[in-house]
Amino acid sequence: MQILFVLSSLFRFKDSRMEDVWLVDFYAPWCGYCKKLEPIWKEVGAELTRSGSPVRVGKMDGTAYSGVASEFGVRGYPTIKLLKGELAYNYKGPRTKDDIIEFANRVAGPAVRSLPSRQMFEHVLKRHSVLFLYVGGESPLKEKYTEVASELIVYTYFFSASEDVLPESVTLHELPSVVVFKDGTYFTYDEYEDGSLSSWVNRERFQSYLPIDGFTLYELGETGKLVAIAVTDERDPTERTALSVCTQCFCNDQKSSLMLSCRDFQFGHMEGNDYINSLIMGEVSVPSIIILNTSNEQYFVPAEPVEDLEQLLRFFSSVLDGSAPAFGGDGIFQRIKRVAYDARSTIMSVFRSSPLLGCFLFGLPLGVISLMCYGICTAESDDDTELMKRDGFTDEEEEEGEEEEQGAKISSSS
């Protein structure tokens, strides 16, 4: 039964490398994260086999076959890659069975999927919160769209259709066009305003407002947008509702007098302030709004609590025009502060989880260092005494010598 191919079938893997689609887990025997992934990986293999997927699931010891791992750009463990023809796609999502299977099915298929009918379009639109669609016939734009799809299919799906597949509510000013459907509306790609197609897709591949955690924040960093986060308290739904609705109103306010749009910001909310506090090495009150610039690690906070949409708009506008003070950054001082903060956090977490272990881990080295310092100091004193003895002096003789020297000085002066 084809569930997992391990490294004993390495030659079989090399022979079928260009013909089959492989989902491979590169692991190391000593890696704890690899061991944690192992039961999930077996479930992935079993599920893809049961569903009749063409994807072949395998695992490879990257330490035993370092040449093969290096060939596919493996830099750490575990590393999950889907190998399709000449291409190797790196999986960066959560290590759960459903997410890995969804990634495998998406990347194993064609880079651009065709939608032949309006019913199919509506079905796909309901299934995907963000949908990219090329509309029109053969053109240079379609070639570029296919290239971008081959590159970014690790993140989202790409579709194509003719104009008659679209509902009457969708109006395109020209064909061919690339359209993104999300947040109950749609936006058309404009090369002059939006820059390269790849950058535009990367910016628009998220919903405008979504829950944010550490992993999502890392992914949002690749969009080039400022990330505006409503920090809420999960134990107080009133606070969460107030800030979340306020942020949603701004994000969906297409008629804002400030003409601010979701091209500049990615919006979301985060439960609790623990992660944000560790990120900025400070304290963020709950509830509050914080804006992160992931490109240079700067952040912005309002000077006063945000209570209505007007205050929120002023804050966002001040960030865009540069009048809002920026905190943090990636300078040398911040890097030193980060090292000290991480060291302190590690020590505190060890003592909180196991005080005895903390005393042993940090007390023993300090004790050894203290003994070494004491030994060095006493050794220097003993060396000085021994040197004086070798020169024929003792402490008493030295004192007598000093007295005689003083007496001679007095006699000579008289």
Protein backbone atom coordinates (compact mmCIF):
# COMPACT_ATOMS: atom_id res chain seq x y z
CA MET A 1 0.00 0.00 0.00
CA GLN A 2 1.51 3.32 -1.06
CA ILE A 3 1.38 5.52 1.99
CA LEU A 4 4.99 6.48 2.68
CA PHE A 5 8.18 5.90 0.76
CA VAL A 6 11.20 6.02 3.03
CA LEU A 7 14.78 6.39 1.98
CA SER A 8 15.22 2.69 1.25
CA SER A 9 13.53 3.49 -2.08
CA LEU A 10 15.91 6.35 -2.88
CA PHE A 11 16.83 5.00 -6.31
CA ARG A 12 13.16 4.51 -7.12
CA PHE A 13 12.59 8.11 -6.10
CA LYS A 14 15.37 9.34 -8.41
CA ASP A 15 14.05 7.27 -11.32
CA SER A 16 10.50 8.63 -10.97
CA ARG A 17 11.51 12.12 -9.89
CA MET A 18 10.54 13.84 -13.15
CA GLU A 19 7.47 11.71 -13.83
CA ASP A 20 5.65 11.80 -10.48
CA VAL A 21 4.69 14.51 -8.00
CA TRP A 22 6.43 13.98 -4.67
CA LEU A 23 5.67 15.43 -1.26
CA VAL A 24 8.83 14.88 0.77
CA ASP A 25 9.64 15.47 4.42
CA PHE A 26 13.38 16.07 4.86
CA TYR A 27 14.12 15.20 8.49
CA ALA A 28 16.96 14.58 10.93
CA PRO A 29 16.84 11.67 13.42
CA TRP A 30 17.85 13.90 16.34
CA CYS A 31 15.33 16.69 15.57
CA GLY A 32 12.52 17.02 18.11
CA TYR A 33 10.27 18.91 15.70
CA CYS A 34 10.74 16.13 13.15
CA LYS A 35 9.60 13.54 15.68
CA LYS A 36 6.56 15.68 16.48
CA LEU A 37 5.69 15.85 12.77
CA GLU A 38 6.05 12.09 12.18
CA PRO A 39 2.51 10.98 13.23
CA ILE A 40 0.99 13.87 11.28
CA TRP A 41 3.05 12.91 8.25
CA LYS A 42 1.74 9.35 8.36
CA GLU A 43 -1.82 10.69 8.43
CA VAL A 44 -1.05 12.91 5.43
CA GLY A 45 0.22 9.91 3.47
CA ALA A 46 -2.78 7.77 4.39
CA GLU A 47 -5.29 10.51 3.53
CA LEU A 48 -3.77 11.31 0.14
CA THR A 49 -3.69 7.61 -0.71
CA ARG A 50 -7.35 7.12 0.27
CA SER A 51 -8.43 10.12 -1.81
CA GLY A 52 -6.67 8.79 -4.91
CA SER A 53 -4.29 11.72 -5.09
CA PRO A 54 -1.42 11.41 -7.59
CA VAL A 55 0.93 12.88 -4.99
CA ARG A 56 3.44 10.36 -3.65
CA VAL A 57 4.40 10.98 -0.04
CA GLY A 58 7.89 10.21 1.23
CA LYS A 59 10.44 11.09 3.88
CA MET A 60 14.20 11.40 3.60
CA ASP A 61 16.95 11.56 6.23
CA GLY A 62 18.70 14.77 5.20
CA THR A 63 21.71 14.03 7.41
CA ALA A 64 22.37 10.63 5.82
CA TYR A 65 21.79 11.91 2.27
CA SER A 66 23.12 15.44 2.60
CA GLY A 67 23.84 15.66 -1.11
CA VAL A 68 20.19 15.16 -2.05
CA ALA A 69 19.06 17.56 0.70
CA SER A 70 21.52 20.19 -0.52
CA GLU A 71 20.30 19.72 -4.09
CA PHE A 72 16.80 20.75 -3.04
CA GLY A 73 17.96 23.65 -0.87
CA VAL A 74 17.23 22.11 2.53
CA ARG A 75 18.66 24.37 5.25
CA GLY A 76 16.87 23.11 8.34
CA TYR A 77 14.67 20.31 9.66
CA PRO A 78 11.96 19.42 9.15
CA THR A 79 11.60 20.84 5.63
CA ILE A 80 8.57 19.93 3.53
CA LYS A 81 8.84 20.24 -0.24
CA LEU A 82 6.57 19.34 -3.11
CA LEU A 83 8.60 18.29 -6.14
CA LYS A 84 6.88 18.68 -9.51
CA GLY A 85 9.00 18.33 -12.63
CA GLU A 86 11.87 20.78 -12.49
CA LEU A 87 10.22 22.78 -9.71
CA ALA A 88 10.53 22.38 -5.94
CA TYR A 89 7.92 24.16 -3.81
CA ASN A 90 8.70 24.86 -0.17
CA TYR A 91 5.83 24.48 2.31
CA LYS A 92 5.72 27.31 4.88
CA GLY A 93 2.30 26.80 6.45
CA PRO A 94 1.14 25.32 9.76
CA ARG A 95 2.22 21.72 10.28
CA THR A 96 -1.25 20.25 10.48
CA LYS A 97 -2.68 17.42 8.42
CA ASP A 98 -5.38 19.50 6.72
CA ASP A 99 -3.06 22.38 5.82
CA ILE A 100 -0.38 20.10 4.38
CA ILE A 101 -2.93 18.13 2.34
CA GLU A 102 -4.52 21.31 1.02
CA PHE A 103 -1.07 22.56 0.00
CA ALA A 104 -0.26 19.28 -1.77
CA ASN A 105 -3.53 19.20 -3.72
CA ARG A 106 -3.22 22.85 -4.74
CA VAL A 107 0.40 22.75 -5.90
CA ALA A 108 0.14 19.31 -7.55
CA GLY A 109 -2.55 20.55 -9.93
CA PRO A 110 -2.22 23.03 -12.81
CA ALA A 111 -0.91 26.48 -11.92
CA VAL A 112 -4.01 28.06 -13.54
CA ARG A 113 -7.34 26.24 -13.36
CA SER A 114 -10.03 26.94 -15.97
CA LEU A 115 -13.61 27.81 -15.00
CA PRO A 116 -15.86 26.75 -17.91
CA SER A 117 -19.22 28.00 -16.59
CA ARG A 118 -20.85 30.59 -14.36
CA GLN A 119 -22.04 27.86 -12.00
CA MET A 120 -18.46 26.68 -11.55
CA PHE A 121 -17.32 30.26 -10.95
CA GLU A 122 -19.95 30.80 -8.25
CA HIS A 123 -19.07 27.47 -6.63
CA VAL A 124 -15.37 28.34 -6.49
CA LEU A 125 -16.13 31.86 -5.25
CA LYS A 126 -18.00 30.41 -2.27
CA ARG A 127 -15.14 28.07 -1.41
CA HIS A 128 -12.33 30.65 -1.48
CA SER A 129 -12.14 33.81 0.59
CA VAL A 130 -9.65 35.26 -1.95
CA LEU A 131 -9.87 34.33 -5.64
CA PHE A 132 -7.59 35.47 -8.47
CA LEU A 133 -9.06 35.27 -11.97
CA TYR A 134 -7.69 35.98 -15.42
CA VAL A 135 -10.42 37.04 -17.85
CA GLY A 136 -9.81 37.00 -21.60
CA GLY A 137 -8.02 35.04 -24.31
CA GLU A 138 -4.38 34.48 -25.13
CA SER A 139 -2.20 37.53 -24.49
CA PRO A 140 1.14 38.62 -22.99
CA LEU A 141 -0.78 39.35 -19.76
CA LYS A 142 -1.91 35.73 -19.60
CA GLU A 143 1.66 34.52 -20.02
CA LYS A 144 2.75 36.77 -17.19
CA TYR A 145 -0.22 35.61 -15.09
CA THR A 146 0.76 31.96 -15.63
CA GLU A 147 4.34 32.71 -14.56
CA VAL A 148 3.13 34.41 -11.38
CA ALA A 149 0.74 31.53 -10.68
CA SER A 150 3.60 29.02 -10.98
CA GLU A 151 5.57 31.05 -8.46
CA LEU A 152 2.85 31.87 -5.92
CA ILE A 153 0.62 28.79 -6.08
CA VAL A 154 2.14 27.81 -2.73
CA TYR A 155 -0.05 30.55 -1.23
CA THR A 156 -3.32 30.61 -3.19
CA TYR A 157 -5.30 29.35 -6.20
CA PHE A 158 -5.33 30.92 -9.65
CA PHE A 159 -8.18 30.61 -12.17
CA SER A 160 -9.03 31.74 -15.70
CA ALA A 161 -12.35 32.23 -17.48
CA SER A 162 -14.03 33.97 -20.37
CA GLU A 163 -16.05 37.15 -19.84
CA ASP A 164 -19.44 35.43 -20.18
CA VAL A 165 -18.68 33.31 -17.08
CA LEU A 166 -18.77 36.39 -14.86
CA PRO A 167 -22.04 37.57 -13.30
CA GLU A 168 -23.63 40.76 -14.64
CA SER A 169 -22.66 42.65 -11.49
CA VAL A 170 -18.97 42.42 -12.47
CA THR A 171 -17.96 45.08 -14.98
CA LEU A 172 -14.52 45.11 -16.59
CA HIS A 173 -13.36 48.19 -18.49
CA GLU A 174 -11.00 46.25 -20.73
CA LEU A 175 -9.93 42.76 -21.66
CA PRO A 176 -7.82 40.91 -20.86
CA SER A 177 -7.85 41.66 -17.11
CA VAL A 178 -6.71 40.12 -13.85
CA VAL A 179 -9.25 40.42 -11.06
CA VAL A 180 -9.17 39.54 -7.36
CA PHE A 181 -12.45 38.77 -5.58
CA LYS A 182 -12.45 39.22 -1.81
CA ASP A 183 -14.32 40.91 1.02
CA GLY A 184 -17.57 40.84 -0.96
CA THR A 185 -16.17 42.96 -3.78
CA TYR A 186 -13.51 42.83 -6.51
CA PHE A 187 -10.46 44.81 -7.65
CA THR A 188 -8.85 44.90 -11.07
CA TYR A 189 -5.09 44.87 -11.55
CA ASP A 190 -3.65 48.05 -13.07
CA GLU A 191 -0.02 47.79 -14.11
CA TYR A 192 0.60 51.55 -13.88
CA GLU A 193 -0.86 51.94 -10.40
CA ASP A 194 -0.11 48.53 -8.87
CA GLY A 195 3.37 47.81 -10.21
CA SER A 196 4.39 44.27 -11.09
CA LEU A 197 1.72 41.59 -11.19
CA SER A 198 3.68 39.40 -8.79
CA SER A 199 3.87 42.17 -6.17
CA TRP A 200 0.18 42.96 -6.58
CA VAL A 201 -0.86 39.33 -6.10
CA ASN A 202 1.39 39.05 -3.06
CA ARG A 203 -0.24 42.13 -1.53
CA GLU A 204 -3.80 41.06 -2.25
CA ARG A 205 -3.66 37.37 -1.32
CA PHE A 206 -5.12 37.99 2.14
CA GLN A 207 -8.55 39.15 3.19
CA SER A 208 -8.51 42.78 4.23
CA TYR A 209 -9.39 41.91 7.83
CA LEU A 210 -8.45 38.65 9.54
CA PRO A 211 -7.37 37.17 12.87
CA ILE A 212 -3.61 37.48 13.31
CA ASP A 213 -1.15 35.27 15.18
CA GLY A 214 2.63 34.96 15.06
CA PHE A 215 2.63 32.77 11.96
CA THR A 216 0.15 34.97 10.07
CA LEU A 217 2.16 38.06 10.96
CA TYR A 218 5.26 36.45 9.47
CA GLU A 219 3.33 35.76 6.25
CA LEU A 220 1.94 39.29 6.15
CA GLY A 221 5.48 40.62 6.22
CA GLU A 222 5.90 39.49 2.60
CA THR A 223 3.05 41.70 1.37
CA GLY A 224 4.93 44.97 1.94
CA LYS A 225 1.92 46.47 3.73
CA LEU A 226 1.72 48.10 7.13
CA VAL A 227 -0.06 45.72 9.51
CA ALA A 228 -2.72 47.39 11.66
CA ILE A 229 -3.72 45.20 14.60
CA ALA A 230 -6.57 45.64 17.04
CA VAL A 231 -5.22 44.13 20.28
CA THR A 232 -8.23 42.76 22.15
CA ASP A 233 -9.03 40.84 25.31
CA GLU A 234 -10.70 37.49 24.63
CA ARG A 235 -12.21 37.58 28.11
CA ASP A 236 -13.99 40.85 27.37
CA PRO A 237 -16.10 40.56 24.18
CA THR A 238 -17.19 44.20 24.54
CA GLU A 239 -13.64 45.47 24.07
CA ARG A 240 -13.03 43.13 21.16
CA THR A 241 -16.23 44.17 19.42
CA ALA A 242 -15.56 47.89 19.82
CA LEU A 243 -12.09 47.87 18.29
CA SER A 244 -12.72 45.15 15.72
CA VAL A 245 -15.82 46.85 14.35
CA CYS A 246 -14.01 50.19 14.36
CA THR A 247 -11.17 48.73 12.30
CA GLN A 248 -13.54 46.89 9.98
CA CYS A 249 -15.43 50.11 9.35
CA PHE A 250 -12.22 51.85 8.33
CA CYS A 251 -11.18 48.97 6.09
CA ASN A 252 -14.52 48.84 4.30
CA ASP A 253 -15.03 52.60 4.17
CA GLN A 254 -14.51 53.10 0.43
CA LYS A 255 -15.72 56.74 0.59
CA SER A 256 -13.32 57.93 3.25
CA SER A 257 -12.46 61.62 2.85
CA LEU A 258 -8.82 60.71 3.49
CA MET A 259 -8.84 58.34 0.51
CA LEU A 260 -7.04 55.73 2.55
CA SER A 261 -7.32 52.20 1.22
CA CYS A 262 -6.36 48.65 2.01
CA ARG A 263 -3.50 49.00 -0.47
CA ASP A 264 -1.50 50.59 2.34
CA PHE A 265 -2.68 48.54 5.33
CA GLN A 266 -3.44 44.98 6.26
CA PHE A 267 -6.01 44.86 9.05
CA GLY A 268 -6.68 42.28 11.72
CA HIS A 269 -7.14 41.58 15.39
CA MET A 270 -5.05 39.64 17.90
CA GLU A 271 -6.26 38.11 21.14
CA GLY A 272 -4.23 39.32 24.11
CA ASN A 273 -1.04 41.36 24.15
CA ASP A 274 1.57 38.74 25.12
CA TYR A 275 2.91 38.22 21.60
CA ILE A 276 2.90 41.93 20.75
CA ASN A 277 4.68 42.76 24.01
CA SER A 278 7.47 40.29 23.22
CA LEU A 279 7.69 41.60 19.67
CA ILE A 280 8.13 45.27 20.59
CA MET A 281 9.87 44.56 23.94
CA GLY A 282 7.37 46.80 25.65
CA GLU A 283 3.84 46.93 27.02
CA VAL A 284 0.72 47.44 24.89
CA SER A 285 -2.51 48.17 26.74
CA VAL A 286 -5.65 46.15 26.01
CA PRO A 287 -7.64 47.13 24.05
CA SER A 288 -5.56 49.24 21.69
CA ILE A 289 -4.40 49.71 18.10
CA ILE A 290 -0.83 49.14 16.95
CA ILE A 291 0.65 49.43 13.45
CA LEU A 292 3.69 47.33 12.54
CA ASN A 293 6.11 48.01 9.71
CA THR A 294 7.54 44.52 9.22
CA SER A 295 10.17 45.72 6.74
CA ASN A 296 12.15 47.71 9.34
CA GLU A 297 10.59 46.47 12.62
CA GLN A 298 9.17 49.89 13.50
CA TYR A 299 5.79 50.27 15.17
CA PHE A 300 3.28 53.04 15.78
CA VAL A 301 0.78 53.51 18.61
CA PRO A 302 -1.82 56.27 18.99
CA ALA A 303 -0.97 59.05 21.41
CA GLU A 304 -4.40 58.70 23.03
CA PRO A 305 -6.99 55.91 23.24
CA VAL A 306 -8.99 55.44 20.03
CA GLU A 307 -12.69 55.83 20.76
CA ASP A 308 -14.28 56.48 17.38
CA LEU A 309 -13.71 56.15 13.64
CA GLU A 310 -12.58 59.75 13.23
CA GLN A 311 -9.72 59.29 15.71
CA LEU A 312 -8.78 56.05 13.99
CA LEU A 313 -8.63 57.74 10.57
CA ARG A 314 -6.45 60.55 11.94
CA PHE A 315 -4.05 58.01 13.42
CA PHE A 316 -3.74 56.04 10.17
CA SER A 317 -3.29 59.24 8.20
CA SER A 318 -0.50 60.42 10.52
CA VAL A 319 1.33 57.12 9.99
CA LEU A 320 1.10 57.47 6.21
CA ASP A 321 2.28 61.10 6.10
CA GLY A 322 5.15 60.45 8.54
CA SER A 323 3.94 62.73 11.33
CA ALA A 324 3.32 59.88 13.79
CA PRO A 325 6.37 59.03 15.94
CA ALA A 326 7.96 55.68 15.08
CA PHE A 327 9.25 53.35 17.77
CA GLY A 328 11.53 50.33 17.60
CA GLY A 329 13.46 49.69 14.40
CA ASP A 330 16.31 47.44 13.37
CA GLY A 331 19.28 49.59 14.47
CA ILE A 332 22.26 48.33 16.46
CA PHE A 333 20.81 49.54 19.77
CA GLN A 334 17.57 47.66 19.14
CA ARG A 335 19.51 44.52 18.24
CA ILE A 336 21.47 44.66 21.47
CA LYS A 337 18.23 45.28 23.34
CA ARG A 338 16.68 42.26 21.59
CA VAL A 339 19.55 39.98 22.65
CA ALA A 340 19.27 41.15 26.26
CA TYR A 341 15.47 40.87 26.20
CA ASP A 342 15.52 37.33 24.78
CA ALA A 343 18.13 36.24 27.32
CA ARG A 344 16.11 37.69 30.18
CA SER A 345 12.90 36.10 28.87
CA THR A 346 14.60 32.71 28.58
CA ILE A 347 15.95 32.88 32.13
CA MET A 348 12.60 34.00 33.54
CA SER A 349 10.70 31.26 31.70
CA VAL A 350 13.09 28.61 33.03
CA PHE A 351 12.70 29.83 36.62
CA ARG A 352 8.91 30.05 36.28
CA SER A 353 8.58 26.54 34.88
CA SER A 354 11.17 24.89 37.15
CA PRO A 355 12.89 26.95 39.87
CA LEU A 356 15.18 24.09 40.91
CA LEU A 357 16.30 23.50 37.34
CA GLY A 358 16.90 27.24 36.93
CA CYS A 359 19.04 27.36 40.06
CA PHE A 360 21.05 24.41 38.81
CA LEU A 361 21.50 25.70 35.26
CA PHE A 362 22.48 29.23 36.22
CA GLY A 363 23.77 28.74 39.77
CA LEU A 364 26.31 26.07 38.89
CA PRO A 365 28.12 28.13 36.19
CA LEU A 366 28.16 31.18 38.50
CA GLY A 367 29.60 29.06 41.28
CA VAL A 368 32.31 27.67 39.02
CA ILE A 369 33.17 31.16 37.75
CA SER A 370 33.35 32.46 41.36
CA LEU A 371 35.71 29.67 42.37
CA MET A 372 37.89 30.35 39.35
CA CYS A 373 38.08 34.07 40.17
CA TYR A 374 38.90 33.31 43.81
CA GLY A 375 41.58 30.87 42.72
CA ILE A 376 43.13 33.41 40.37
CA CYS A 377 43.20 36.13 43.06
CA THR A 378 44.71 33.90 45.75
CA ALA A 379 47.22 32.53 43.27
CA GLU A 380 48.44 36.05 42.51
CA SER A 381 48.90 36.80 46.24
CA ASP A 382 50.86 33.58 46.78
CA ASP A 383 53.03 34.35 43.76
CA ASP A 384 53.89 37.81 45.14
CA THR A 385 54.85 36.34 48.52
CA GLU A 386 56.96 33.64 46.94
CA LEU A 387 58.73 36.21 44.80
CA MET A 388 59.59 38.33 47.81
CA LYS A 389 60.97 35.31 49.62
CA ARG A 390 63.15 34.46 46.65
CA ASP A 391 64.48 38.04 46.72
CA GLY A 392 65.41 37.64 50.42
CA PHE A 393 62.65 39.80 51.88
CA THR A 394 59.90 39.17 54.34
CA ASP A 395 57.24 41.59 55.52
CA GLU A 396 59.20 42.28 58.76
CA GLU A 397 62.46 42.80 56.92
CA GLU A 398 60.74 45.17 54.53
CA GLU A 399 59.36 47.22 57.46
CA GLU A 400 62.81 47.31 59.15
CA GLY A 401 64.37 48.43 55.91
CA GLU A 402 61.87 51.24 55.64
CA GLU A 403 62.60 52.36 59.28
CA GLU A 404 66.37 52.33 58.71
CA GLU A 405 65.90 54.34 55.51
CA GLN A 406 63.83 56.93 57.35
CA GLY A 407 66.49 57.15 60.19
CA ALA A 408 69.26 57.70 57.68
CA LYS A 409 67.30 60.52 56.09
CA ILE A 410 66.86 62.22 59.51
CA SER A 411 70.58 61.91 60.36
CA SER A 412 71.68 63.35 57.08
CA SER A 413 69.33 66.30 57.43
CA SER A 414 70.62 67.11 60.94
